[in-house]
Protein backbone atom coordinates (compact mmCIF):
# COMPACT_ATOMS: atom_id res chain seq x y z
CA UNK A 1 91.15 109.96 101.77
CA UNK A 2 92.50 106.76 100.25
CA UNK A 3 96.06 105.83 101.14
CA UNK A 4 98.45 104.41 98.52
CA UNK A 5 98.47 100.91 100.06
CA UNK A 6 94.65 100.90 100.20
CA UNK A 7 94.48 101.88 96.53
CA UNK A 8 96.88 99.10 95.55
CA UNK A 9 95.04 96.56 97.69
CA UNK A 10 91.78 97.48 95.92
CA UNK A 11 93.38 96.78 92.52
CA UNK A 12 94.67 93.40 93.72
CA UNK A 13 91.30 92.46 95.24
CA UNK A 14 89.51 93.47 92.04
CA UNK A 15 91.88 91.26 90.04
CA UNK A 16 91.19 88.34 92.39
CA UNK A 17 87.45 88.95 92.04
CA UNK A 18 87.74 88.84 88.24
CA UNK A 19 89.67 85.56 88.50
CA UNK A 20 86.90 84.14 90.68
CA UNK A 21 84.36 85.15 88.05
CA UNK A 22 86.24 83.12 85.44
CA UNK A 23 86.23 79.97 87.59
CA UNK A 24 82.94 78.02 87.43
CA UNK A 25 83.89 76.08 90.58
CA UNK A 26 84.15 79.27 92.64
CA UNK A 27 81.21 81.07 91.01
CA UNK A 28 78.94 78.38 89.57
CA UNK A 29 75.95 80.41 88.42
CA UNK A 30 77.64 83.21 86.50
CA UNK A 31 76.53 83.67 82.88
CA UNK A 32 79.05 82.74 80.21
CA UNK A 33 79.09 86.33 78.87
CA UNK A 34 80.22 87.62 82.29
CA UNK A 35 82.98 85.00 82.47
CA UNK A 36 84.21 85.97 79.01
CA UNK A 37 84.24 89.67 79.88
CA UNK A 38 86.14 89.04 83.12
CA UNK A 39 88.71 87.03 81.15
CA UNK A 40 89.05 89.82 78.56
CA UNK A 41 89.64 92.40 81.29
CA UNK A 42 92.22 90.19 83.02
CA UNK A 43 94.30 89.93 79.85
CA UNK A 44 95.25 93.59 80.33
CA UNK A 45 95.10 93.86 84.12
CA UNK A 46 98.29 94.91 85.94
CA UNK A 47 100.32 92.20 87.67
CA UNK A 48 101.97 92.75 91.05
CA UNK A 49 105.32 93.48 89.41
CA UNK A 50 103.80 96.40 87.46
CA UNK A 51 102.10 97.70 90.57
CA UNK A 52 105.39 97.52 92.48
CA UNK A 53 107.26 99.39 89.72
CA UNK A 54 104.59 102.06 89.72
CA UNK A 55 104.75 102.29 93.52
CA UNK A 56 108.47 103.01 93.29
CA UNK A 57 107.89 105.76 90.75
CA UNK A 58 104.76 107.21 92.38
CA UNK A 59 104.82 106.37 96.11
CA UNK A 60 102.16 108.99 96.89
CA UNK A 61 99.73 107.21 94.56
CA UNK A 62 100.50 103.47 94.81
CA UNK A 63 101.76 101.22 97.58
CA UNK A 64 103.84 98.05 97.35
CA UNK A 65 101.99 94.75 97.06
CA UNK A 66 102.54 92.67 100.17
CA UNK A 67 99.86 90.03 99.61
């Protein structure tokens, strides 16, 4: 069973992974199409403030972001 803080941490880590995919210095041999798709996804990805608001409304689903 996934706990709310684990679920939130997974969202934050996925966002960080997408950011890494957009940075050629961190991920040098990623195709341009992958970088573009990661950037497109990030445009609509939830920020910590949205995750925190959701955690307040649904504490059994989401945890607060501490990172």
